[in-house]
Structures are given as C-alpha cells and as structure tokens.
PDB file of all heavy atoms in Angstrom:
ATOM      1  N   CYS A   1       3.160   1.479   6.836  1.00  0.00           N
ATOM      2  CA  CYS A   1       2.269   2.477   6.252  1.00  0.00           C
ATOM      3  C   CYS A   1       1.996   3.604   7.245  1.00  0.00           C
ATOM      4  O   CYS A   1       2.008   4.781   6.887  1.00  0.00           O
ATOM      5  CB  CYS A   1       0.961   1.809   5.818  1.00  0.00           C
ATOM      6  SG  CYS A   1      -0.159   2.903   4.935  1.00  0.00           S
ATOM      7  N   MET A   2       1.797   3.233   8.502  1.00  0.00           N
ATOM      8  CA  MET A   2       1.540   4.240   9.529  1.00  0.00           C
ATOM      9  C   MET A   2       2.725   5.194   9.660  1.00  0.00           C
ATOM     10  O   MET A   2       2.550   6.416   9.727  1.00  0.00           O
ATOM     11  CB  MET A   2       1.257   3.565  10.874  1.00  0.00           C
ATOM     12  CG  MET A   2       1.053   4.546  12.016  1.00  0.00           C
ATOM     13  SD  MET A   2       0.860   3.708  13.593  1.00  0.00           S
ATOM     14  CE  MET A   2      -0.891   3.420  13.571  1.00  0.00           C
ATOM     15  N   ARG A   3       3.939   4.652   9.676  1.00  0.00           N
ATOM     16  CA  ARG A   3       5.124   5.513   9.803  1.00  0.00           C
ATOM     17  C   ARG A   3       5.301   6.395   8.563  1.00  0.00           C
ATOM     18  O   ARG A   3       5.698   7.555   8.688  1.00  0.00           O
ATOM     19  CB  ARG A   3       6.384   4.679  10.025  1.00  0.00           C
ATOM     20  CG  ARG A   3       6.515   4.146  11.416  1.00  0.00           C
ATOM     21  CD  ARG A   3       6.755   5.285  12.425  1.00  0.00           C
ATOM     22  NE  ARG A   3       6.906   4.728  13.759  1.00  0.00           N
ATOM     23  CZ  ARG A   3       5.969   4.755  14.690  1.00  0.00           C
ATOM     24  NH1 ARG A   3       4.807   5.334  14.461  1.00  0.00           N
ATOM     25  NH2 ARG A   3       6.189   4.221  15.865  1.00  0.00           N
ATOM     26  N   LEU A   4       5.004   5.852   7.386  1.00  0.00           N
ATOM     27  CA  LEU A   4       5.076   6.688   6.174  1.00  0.00           C
ATOM     28  C   LEU A   4       4.126   7.871   6.300  1.00  0.00           C
ATOM     29  O   LEU A   4       4.475   9.003   5.984  1.00  0.00           O
ATOM     30  CB  LEU A   4       4.739   5.854   4.927  1.00  0.00           C
ATOM     31  CG  LEU A   4       5.739   4.772   4.535  1.00  0.00           C
ATOM     32  CD1 LEU A   4       5.189   3.935   3.387  1.00  0.00           C
ATOM     33  CD2 LEU A   4       7.087   5.365   4.167  1.00  0.00           C
ATOM     34  N   MET A   5       2.923   7.607   6.793  1.00  0.00           N
ATOM     35  CA  MET A   5       1.939   8.673   6.996  1.00  0.00           C
ATOM     36  C   MET A   5       2.450   9.690   8.004  1.00  0.00           C
ATOM     37  O   MET A   5       2.296  10.892   7.809  1.00  0.00           O
ATOM     38  CB  MET A   5       0.610   8.053   7.467  1.00  0.00           C
ATOM     39  CG  MET A   5      -0.503   9.054   7.742  1.00  0.00           C
ATOM     40  SD  MET A   5      -0.526   9.758   9.421  1.00  0.00           S
ATOM     41  CE  MET A   5      -0.750   8.314  10.432  1.00  0.00           C
ATOM     42  N   HIS A   6       3.113   9.210   9.068  1.00  0.00           N
ATOM     43  CA  HIS A   6       3.658  10.133  10.073  1.00  0.00           C
ATOM     44  C   HIS A   6       4.709  11.062   9.477  1.00  0.00           C
ATOM     45  O   HIS A   6       4.963  12.144  10.003  1.00  0.00           O
ATOM     46  CB  HIS A   6       4.273   9.364  11.251  1.00  0.00           C
ATOM     47  CG  HIS A   6       3.259   8.690  12.111  1.00  0.00           C
ATOM     48  ND1 HIS A   6       3.538   7.559  12.832  1.00  0.00           N
ATOM     49  CD2 HIS A   6       1.952   8.977  12.364  1.00  0.00           C
ATOM     50  CE1 HIS A   6       2.465   7.180  13.491  1.00  0.00           C
ATOM     51  NE2 HIS A   6       1.485   8.041  13.228  1.00  0.00           N
ATOM     52  N   MET A   7       5.327  10.637   8.382  1.00  0.00           N
ATOM     53  CA  MET A   7       6.344  11.464   7.719  1.00  0.00           C
ATOM     54  C   MET A   7       5.739  12.346   6.633  1.00  0.00           C
ATOM     55  O   MET A   7       6.448  13.056   5.937  1.00  0.00           O
ATOM     56  CB  MET A   7       7.449  10.586   7.119  1.00  0.00           C
ATOM     57  CG  MET A   7       8.242   9.855   8.172  1.00  0.00           C
ATOM     58  SD  MET A   7       9.705   8.989   7.540  1.00  0.00           S
ATOM     59  CE  MET A   7       9.044   8.006   6.227  1.00  0.00           C
ATOM     60  N   GLY A   8       4.419  12.296   6.480  1.00  0.00           N
ATOM     61  CA  GLY A   8       3.754  13.144   5.498  1.00  0.00           C
ATOM     62  C   GLY A   8       3.632  12.525   4.117  1.00  0.00           C
ATOM     63  O   GLY A   8       3.269  13.208   3.161  1.00  0.00           O
ATOM     64  N   ILE A   9       3.904  11.239   3.999  1.00  0.00           N
ATOM     65  CA  ILE A   9       3.788  10.540   2.718  1.00  0.00           C
ATOM     66  C   ILE A   9       2.365  10.010   2.582  1.00  0.00           C
ATOM     67  O   ILE A   9       1.805   9.468   3.535  1.00  0.00           O
ATOM     68  CB  ILE A   9       4.820   9.385   2.640  1.00  0.00           C
ATOM     69  CG1 ILE A   9       6.233   9.976   2.640  1.00  0.00           C
ATOM     70  CG2 ILE A   9       4.590   8.516   1.419  1.00  0.00           C
ATOM     71  CD1 ILE A   9       7.334   8.947   2.781  1.00  0.00           C
ATOM     72  N   HIS A  10       1.785  10.152   1.399  1.00  0.00           N
ATOM     73  CA  HIS A  10       0.440   9.626   1.147  1.00  0.00           C
ATOM     74  C   HIS A  10       0.570   8.113   0.997  1.00  0.00           C
ATOM     75  O   HIS A  10       1.022   7.621  -0.032  1.00  0.00           O
ATOM     76  CB  HIS A  10      -0.178  10.252  -0.098  1.00  0.00           C
ATOM     77  CG  HIS A  10      -0.432  11.712   0.055  1.00  0.00           C
ATOM     78  ND1 HIS A  10      -1.476  12.202   0.805  1.00  0.00           N
ATOM     79  CD2 HIS A  10       0.238  12.780  -0.398  1.00  0.00           C
ATOM     80  CE1 HIS A  10      -1.441  13.521   0.794  1.00  0.00           C
ATOM     81  NE2 HIS A  10      -0.406  13.899   0.072  1.00  0.00           N
ATOM     82  N   ALA A  11       0.179   7.385   2.037  1.00  0.00           N
ATOM     83  CA  ALA A  11       0.330   5.934   2.062  1.00  0.00           C
ATOM     84  C   ALA A  11      -0.987   5.282   2.450  1.00  0.00           C
ATOM     85  O   ALA A  11      -1.737   5.819   3.280  1.00  0.00           O
ATOM     86  CB  ALA A  11       1.431   5.549   3.045  1.00  0.00           C
ATOM     87  N   HIS A  12      -1.247   4.134   1.831  1.00  0.00           N
ATOM     88  CA  HIS A  12      -2.512   3.418   2.044  1.00  0.00           C
ATOM     89  C   HIS A  12      -2.266   1.922   2.159  1.00  0.00           C
ATOM     90  O   HIS A  12      -1.381   1.384   1.501  1.00  0.00           O
ATOM     91  CB  HIS A  12      -3.461   3.656   0.865  1.00  0.00           C
ATOM     92  CG  HIS A  12      -3.731   5.099   0.603  1.00  0.00           C
ATOM     93  ND1 HIS A  12      -4.684   5.816   1.285  1.00  0.00           N
ATOM     94  CD2 HIS A  12      -3.153   5.964  -0.258  1.00  0.00           C
ATOM     95  CE1 HIS A  12      -4.688   7.066   0.837  1.00  0.00           C
ATOM     96  NE2 HIS A  12      -3.761   7.185  -0.091  1.00  0.00           N
ATOM     97  N   VAL A  13      -3.094   1.261   2.947  1.00  0.00           N
ATOM     98  CA  VAL A  13      -3.099  -0.195   3.026  1.00  0.00           C
ATOM     99  C   VAL A  13      -4.234  -0.687   2.135  1.00  0.00           C
ATOM    100  O   VAL A  13      -5.385  -0.245   2.293  1.00  0.00           O
ATOM    101  CB  VAL A  13      -3.317  -0.672   4.480  1.00  0.00           C
ATOM    102  CG1 VAL A  13      -3.465  -2.190   4.533  1.00  0.00           C
ATOM    103  CG2 VAL A  13      -2.169  -0.208   5.371  1.00  0.00           C
ATOM    104  N   LEU A  14      -3.917  -1.577   1.203  1.00  0.00           N
ATOM    105  CA  LEU A  14      -4.959  -2.110   0.321  1.00  0.00           C
ATOM    106  C   LEU A  14      -6.009  -2.848   1.148  1.00  0.00           C
ATOM    107  O   LEU A  14      -5.687  -3.546   2.097  1.00  0.00           O
ATOM    108  CB  LEU A  14      -4.360  -3.060  -0.708  1.00  0.00           C
ATOM    109  CG  LEU A  14      -3.519  -2.415  -1.800  1.00  0.00           C
ATOM    110  CD1 LEU A  14      -3.054  -3.453  -2.806  1.00  0.00           C
ATOM    111  CD2 LEU A  14      -4.277  -1.315  -2.522  1.00  0.00           C
ATOM    112  N   GLY A  15      -7.260  -2.651   0.773  1.00  0.00           N
ATOM    113  CA  GLY A  15      -8.365  -3.314   1.450  1.00  0.00           C
ATOM    114  C   GLY A  15      -9.044  -2.467   2.507  1.00  0.00           C
ATOM    115  O   GLY A  15     -10.132  -2.812   2.967  1.00  0.00           O
ATOM    116  N   GLU A  16      -8.417  -1.373   2.912  1.00  0.00           N
ATOM    117  CA  GLU A  16      -9.038  -0.477   3.898  1.00  0.00           C
ATOM    118  C   GLU A  16     -10.070   0.405   3.185  1.00  0.00           C
ATOM    119  O   GLU A  16      -9.920   0.718   2.009  1.00  0.00           O
ATOM    120  CB  GLU A  16      -7.980   0.391   4.581  1.00  0.00           C
ATOM    121  CG  GLU A  16      -6.943  -0.390   5.363  1.00  0.00           C
ATOM    122  CD  GLU A  16      -7.502  -1.072   6.596  1.00  0.00           C
ATOM    123  OE1 GLU A  16      -8.423  -0.518   7.228  1.00  0.00           O
ATOM    124  OE2 GLU A  16      -7.022  -2.174   6.915  1.00  0.00           O
ATOM    125  N   THR A  17     -11.075   0.824   3.899  1.00  0.00           N
ATOM    126  CA  THR A  17     -12.148   1.609   3.280  1.00  0.00           C
ATOM    127  C   THR A  17     -11.678   2.989   2.816  1.00  0.00           C
ATOM    128  O   THR A  17     -12.321   3.609   1.974  1.00  0.00           O
ATOM    129  CB  THR A  17     -13.338   1.785   4.250  1.00  0.00           C
ATOM    130  OG1 THR A  17     -12.868   2.395   5.447  1.00  0.00           O
ATOM    131  CG2 THR A  17     -13.988   0.454   4.534  1.00  0.00           C
ATOM    132  N   THR A  18     -10.575   3.479   3.350  1.00  0.00           N
ATOM    133  CA  THR A  18     -10.085   4.809   2.977  1.00  0.00           C
ATOM    134  C   THR A  18      -8.981   4.755   1.916  1.00  0.00           C
ATOM    135  O   THR A  18      -8.369   5.780   1.618  1.00  0.00           O
ATOM    136  CB  THR A  18      -9.541   5.545   4.213  1.00  0.00           C
ATOM    137  OG1 THR A  18      -8.509   4.756   4.792  1.00  0.00           O
ATOM    138  CG2 THR A  18     -10.645   5.809   5.224  1.00  0.00           C
ATOM    139  N   THR A  19      -8.757   3.582   1.334  1.00  0.00           N
ATOM    140  CA  THR A  19      -7.698   3.443   0.327  1.00  0.00           C
ATOM    141  C   THR A  19      -8.041   4.232  -0.919  1.00  0.00           C
ATOM    142  O   THR A  19      -9.148   4.147  -1.449  1.00  0.00           O
ATOM    143  CB  THR A  19      -7.476   1.955  -0.026  1.00  0.00           C
ATOM    144  OG1 THR A  19      -7.138   1.268   1.169  1.00  0.00           O
ATOM    145  CG2 THR A  19      -6.371   1.782  -1.041  1.00  0.00           C
ATOM    146  N   SER A  20      -7.072   4.982  -1.390  1.00  0.00           N
ATOM    147  CA  SER A  20      -7.225   5.845  -2.555  1.00  0.00           C
ATOM    148  C   SER A  20      -7.097   5.044  -3.858  1.00  0.00           C
ATOM    149  O   SER A  20      -6.793   3.850  -3.851  1.00  0.00           O
ATOM    150  CB  SER A  20      -6.131   6.921  -2.495  1.00  0.00           C
ATOM    151  OG  SER A  20      -6.259   7.828  -3.553  1.00  0.00           O
ATOM    152  N   THR A  21      -7.255   5.723  -4.983  1.00  0.00           N
ATOM    153  CA  THR A  21      -7.100   5.130  -6.310  1.00  0.00           C
ATOM    154  C   THR A  21      -5.623   4.944  -6.629  1.00  0.00           C
ATOM    155  O   THR A  21      -4.820   5.847  -6.423  1.00  0.00           O
ATOM    156  CB  THR A  21      -7.717   6.078  -7.371  1.00  0.00           C
ATOM    157  OG1 THR A  21      -9.074   6.308  -7.035  1.00  0.00           O
ATOM    158  CG2 THR A  21      -7.610   5.499  -8.762  1.00  0.00           C
ATOM    159  N   PHE A  22      -5.275   3.779  -7.142  1.00  0.00           N
ATOM    160  CA  PHE A  22      -3.905   3.498  -7.566  1.00  0.00           C
ATOM    161  C   PHE A  22      -3.734   4.006  -8.995  1.00  0.00           C
ATOM    162  O   PHE A  22      -4.549   3.711  -9.869  1.00  0.00           O
ATOM    163  CB  PHE A  22      -3.633   1.983  -7.501  1.00  0.00           C
ATOM    164  CG  PHE A  22      -2.216   1.607  -7.814  1.00  0.00           C
ATOM    165  CD1 PHE A  22      -1.235   1.700  -6.841  1.00  0.00           C
ATOM    166  CD2 PHE A  22      -1.856   1.165  -9.078  1.00  0.00           C
ATOM    167  CE1 PHE A  22       0.089   1.355  -7.122  1.00  0.00           C
ATOM    168  CE2 PHE A  22      -0.549   0.815  -9.368  1.00  0.00           C
ATOM    169  CZ  PHE A  22       0.428   0.909  -8.387  1.00  0.00           C
ATOM    170  N   GLU A  23      -2.664   4.798  -9.222  1.00  0.00           N
ATOM    171  CA  GLU A  23      -2.427   5.406 -10.529  1.00  0.00           C
ATOM    172  C   GLU A  23      -1.012   5.120 -11.014  1.00  0.00           C
ATOM    173  O   GLU A  23      -0.186   4.578 -10.273  1.00  0.00           O
ATOM    174  CB  GLU A  23      -2.672   6.914 -10.423  1.00  0.00           C
ATOM    175  CG  GLU A  23      -4.100   7.227  -9.987  1.00  0.00           C
ATOM    176  CD  GLU A  23      -4.307   8.692  -9.647  1.00  0.00           C
ATOM    177  OE1 GLU A  23      -3.668   9.177  -8.693  1.00  0.00           O
ATOM    178  OE2 GLU A  23      -5.095   9.336 -10.357  1.00  0.00           O
ATOM    179  N   LYS A  24      -0.725   5.522 -12.244  1.00  0.00           N
ATOM    180  CA  LYS A  24       0.562   5.216 -12.887  1.00  0.00           C
ATOM    181  C   LYS A  24       1.783   5.696 -12.115  1.00  0.00           C
ATOM    182  O   LYS A  24       2.822   5.064 -12.157  1.00  0.00           O
ATOM    183  CB  LYS A  24       0.604   5.797 -14.301  1.00  0.00           C
ATOM    184  CG  LYS A  24      -0.236   5.059 -15.283  1.00  0.00           C
ATOM    185  CD  LYS A  24      -0.089   5.623 -16.676  1.00  0.00           C
ATOM    186  CE  LYS A  24      -0.962   4.832 -17.627  1.00  0.00           C
ATOM    187  NZ  LYS A  24      -0.816   5.264 -19.001  1.00  0.00           N
ATOM    188  N   GLU A  25       1.674   6.792 -11.416  1.00  0.00           N
ATOM    189  CA  GLU A  25       2.842   7.340 -10.704  1.00  0.00           C
ATOM    190  C   GLU A  25       2.997   6.761  -9.294  1.00  0.00           C
ATOM    191  O   GLU A  25       3.872   7.168  -8.542  1.00  0.00           O
ATOM    192  CB  GLU A  25       2.782   8.864 -10.644  1.00  0.00           C
ATOM    193  CG  GLU A  25       1.641   9.435  -9.845  1.00  0.00           C
ATOM    194  CD  GLU A  25       0.319   9.556 -10.610  1.00  0.00           C
ATOM    195  OE1 GLU A  25       0.252   9.208 -11.809  1.00  0.00           O
ATOM    196  OE2 GLU A  25      -0.663   9.995  -9.995  1.00  0.00           O
ATOM    197  N   ASP A  26       2.159   5.790  -8.950  1.00  0.00           N
ATOM    198  CA  ASP A  26       2.147   5.240  -7.599  1.00  0.00           C
ATOM    199  C   ASP A  26       3.018   3.992  -7.464  1.00  0.00           C
ATOM    200  O   ASP A  26       3.412   3.373  -8.454  1.00  0.00           O
ATOM    201  CB  ASP A  26       0.714   4.933  -7.172  1.00  0.00           C
ATOM    202  CG  ASP A  26      -0.135   6.191  -7.087  1.00  0.00           C
ATOM    203  OD1 ASP A  26       0.432   7.291  -6.910  1.00  0.00           O
ATOM    204  OD2 ASP A  26      -1.371   6.082  -7.207  1.00  0.00           O
ATOM    205  N   LEU A  27       3.277   3.618  -6.207  1.00  0.00           N
ATOM    206  CA  LEU A  27       4.104   2.467  -5.870  1.00  0.00           C
ATOM    207  C   LEU A  27       3.299   1.498  -5.013  1.00  0.00           C
ATOM    208  O   LEU A  27       2.702   1.895  -4.017  1.00  0.00           O
ATOM    209  CB  LEU A  27       5.346   2.923  -5.083  1.00  0.00           C
ATOM    210  CG  LEU A  27       6.230   1.836  -4.471  1.00  0.00           C
ATOM    211  CD1 LEU A  27       6.885   0.987  -5.563  1.00  0.00           C
ATOM    212  CD2 LEU A  27       7.284   2.470  -3.568  1.00  0.00           C
ATOM    213  N   LEU A  28       3.288   0.239  -5.409  1.00  0.00           N
ATOM    214  CA  LEU A  28       2.665  -0.830  -4.638  1.00  0.00           C
ATOM    215  C   LEU A  28       3.770  -1.692  -4.042  1.00  0.00           C
ATOM    216  O   LEU A  28       4.612  -2.223  -4.770  1.00  0.00           O
ATOM    217  CB  LEU A  28       1.765  -1.695  -5.530  1.00  0.00           C
ATOM    218  CG  LEU A  28       1.194  -2.969  -4.905  1.00  0.00           C
ATOM    219  CD1 LEU A  28       0.326  -2.651  -3.690  1.00  0.00           C
ATOM    220  CD2 LEU A  28       0.402  -3.751  -5.948  1.00  0.00           C
ATOM    221  N   ILE A  29       3.781  -1.800  -2.714  1.00  0.00           N
ATOM    222  CA  ILE A  29       4.756  -2.635  -2.011  1.00  0.00           C
ATOM    223  C   ILE A  29       4.018  -3.864  -1.488  1.00  0.00           C
ATOM    224  O   ILE A  29       3.098  -3.736  -0.675  1.00  0.00           O
ATOM    225  CB  ILE A  29       5.420  -1.878  -0.844  1.00  0.00           C
ATOM    226  CG1 ILE A  29       6.114  -0.603  -1.351  1.00  0.00           C
ATOM    227  CG2 ILE A  29       6.404  -2.787  -0.111  1.00  0.00           C
ATOM    228  CD1 ILE A  29       6.624   0.305  -0.237  1.00  0.00           C
ATOM    229  N   LEU A  30       4.439  -5.038  -1.972  1.00  0.00           N
ATOM    230  CA  LEU A  30       3.816  -6.292  -1.562  1.00  0.00           C
ATOM    231  C   LEU A  30       4.766  -7.075  -0.664  1.00  0.00           C
ATOM    232  O   LEU A  30       5.912  -7.336  -1.046  1.00  0.00           O
ATOM    233  CB  LEU A  30       3.453  -7.119  -2.797  1.00  0.00           C
ATOM    234  CG  LEU A  30       2.426  -6.470  -3.718  1.00  0.00           C
ATOM    235  CD1 LEU A  30       2.277  -7.260  -5.008  1.00  0.00           C
ATOM    236  CD2 LEU A  30       1.086  -6.321  -3.012  1.00  0.00           C
ATOM    237  N   CYS A  31       4.302  -7.440   0.513  1.00  0.00           N
ATOM    238  CA  CYS A  31       5.098  -8.177   1.498  1.00  0.00           C
ATOM    239  C   CYS A  31       4.605  -9.620   1.529  1.00  0.00           C
ATOM    240  O   CYS A  31       3.497  -9.884   1.999  1.00  0.00           O
ATOM    241  CB  CYS A  31       4.936  -7.550   2.875  1.00  0.00           C
ATOM    242  SG  CYS A  31       5.328  -5.789   2.913  1.00  0.00           S
ATOM    243  N   THR A  32       5.411 -10.524   1.003  1.00  0.00           N
ATOM    244  CA  THR A  32       4.990 -11.909   0.906  1.00  0.00           C
ATOM    245  C   THR A  32       6.183 -12.848   0.960  1.00  0.00           C
ATOM    246  O   THR A  32       7.047 -12.790   0.086  1.00  0.00           O
ATOM    247  CB  THR A  32       4.162 -12.163  -0.378  1.00  0.00           C
ATOM    248  OG1 THR A  32       3.965 -13.566  -0.557  1.00  0.00           O
ATOM    249  CG2 THR A  32       4.802 -11.563  -1.611  1.00  0.00           C
ATOM    250  N   GLY A  33       6.226 -13.675   1.989  1.00  0.00           N
ATOM    251  CA  GLY A  33       7.329 -14.623   2.094  1.00  0.00           C
ATOM    252  C   GLY A  33       7.413 -15.524   0.880  1.00  0.00           C
ATOM    253  O   GLY A  33       8.441 -15.607   0.219  1.00  0.00           O
ATOM    254  N   SER A  34       6.321 -16.169   0.539  1.00  0.00           N
ATOM    255  CA  SER A  34       6.307 -17.126  -0.571  1.00  0.00           C
ATOM    256  C   SER A  34       6.270 -16.464  -1.937  1.00  0.00           C
ATOM    257  O   SER A  34       6.735 -17.036  -2.921  1.00  0.00           O
ATOM    258  CB  SER A  34       5.091 -18.047  -0.448  1.00  0.00           C
ATOM    259  OG  SER A  34       3.887 -17.318  -0.711  1.00  0.00           O
ATOM    260  N   GLY A  35       5.672 -15.285  -2.006  1.00  0.00           N
ATOM    261  CA  GLY A  35       5.486 -14.638  -3.307  1.00  0.00           C
ATOM    262  C   GLY A  35       4.364 -15.256  -4.115  1.00  0.00           C
ATOM    263  O   GLY A  35       4.200 -14.957  -5.293  1.00  0.00           O
ATOM    264  N   GLU A  36       3.576 -16.106  -3.483  1.00  0.00           N
ATOM    265  CA  GLU A  36       2.508 -16.816  -4.197  1.00  0.00           C
ATOM    266  C   GLU A  36       1.120 -16.601  -3.589  1.00  0.00           C
ATOM    267  O   GLU A  36       0.163 -17.223  -4.026  1.00  0.00           O
ATOM    268  CB  GLU A  36       2.815 -18.322  -4.237  1.00  0.00           C
ATOM    269  CG  GLU A  36       4.122 -18.694  -4.915  1.00  0.00           C
ATOM    270  CD  GLU A  36       4.188 -18.314  -6.396  1.00  0.00           C
ATOM    271  OE1 GLU A  36       3.123 -18.118  -7.031  1.00  0.00           O
ATOM    272  OE2 GLU A  36       5.315 -18.192  -6.915  1.00  0.00           O
ATOM    273  N   THR A  37       0.998 -15.726  -2.602  1.00  0.00           N
ATOM    274  CA  THR A  37      -0.299 -15.476  -1.967  1.00  0.00           C
ATOM    275  C   THR A  37      -1.278 -14.945  -3.009  1.00  0.00           C
ATOM    276  O   THR A  37      -1.008 -13.937  -3.667  1.00  0.00           O
ATOM    277  CB  THR A  37      -0.136 -14.472  -0.803  1.00  0.00           C
ATOM    278  OG1 THR A  37       0.875 -14.960   0.076  1.00  0.00           O
ATOM    279  CG2 THR A  37      -1.442 -14.280  -0.057  1.00  0.00           C
ATOM    280  N   GLY A  38      -2.409 -15.627  -3.164  1.00  0.00           N
ATOM    281  CA  GLY A  38      -3.359 -15.337  -4.242  1.00  0.00           C
ATOM    282  C   GLY A  38      -3.794 -13.889  -4.339  1.00  0.00           C
ATOM    283  O   GLY A  38      -3.788 -13.300  -5.423  1.00  0.00           O
ATOM    284  N   THR A  39      -4.190 -13.281  -3.220  1.00  0.00           N
ATOM    285  CA  THR A  39      -4.657 -11.895  -3.275  1.00  0.00           C
ATOM    286  C   THR A  39      -3.530 -10.962  -3.700  1.00  0.00           C
ATOM    287  O   THR A  39      -3.763  -9.988  -4.430  1.00  0.00           O
ATOM    288  CB  THR A  39      -5.204 -11.432  -1.907  1.00  0.00           C
ATOM    289  OG1 THR A  39      -4.215 -11.662  -0.900  1.00  0.00           O
ATOM    290  CG2 THR A  39      -6.490 -12.141  -1.541  1.00  0.00           C
TER     291      THR A  39
END
C-alpha cells in the first residue's frame, strides 16, 4: 500500500483511521494464506 501511494495511487489499508469509503469502482486486495481468516 505504501509503494502504491508513492506512485500516486489512492491506496488504503483497511482498519486505519484514514481509510476512505469503499465504492463500486474500487478494488479490495485480500492477502490470506488460508483464505479463511474471519475478518
């Protein structure tokens, strides 16, 4: 996320106080080995 921001891309980490609103044109990238993490 930090590197995306360095390239001028509007990027946010979920759970941070500065996270923006997620909308239809947005992309959520989930990193999960098991794919079953509850959150």
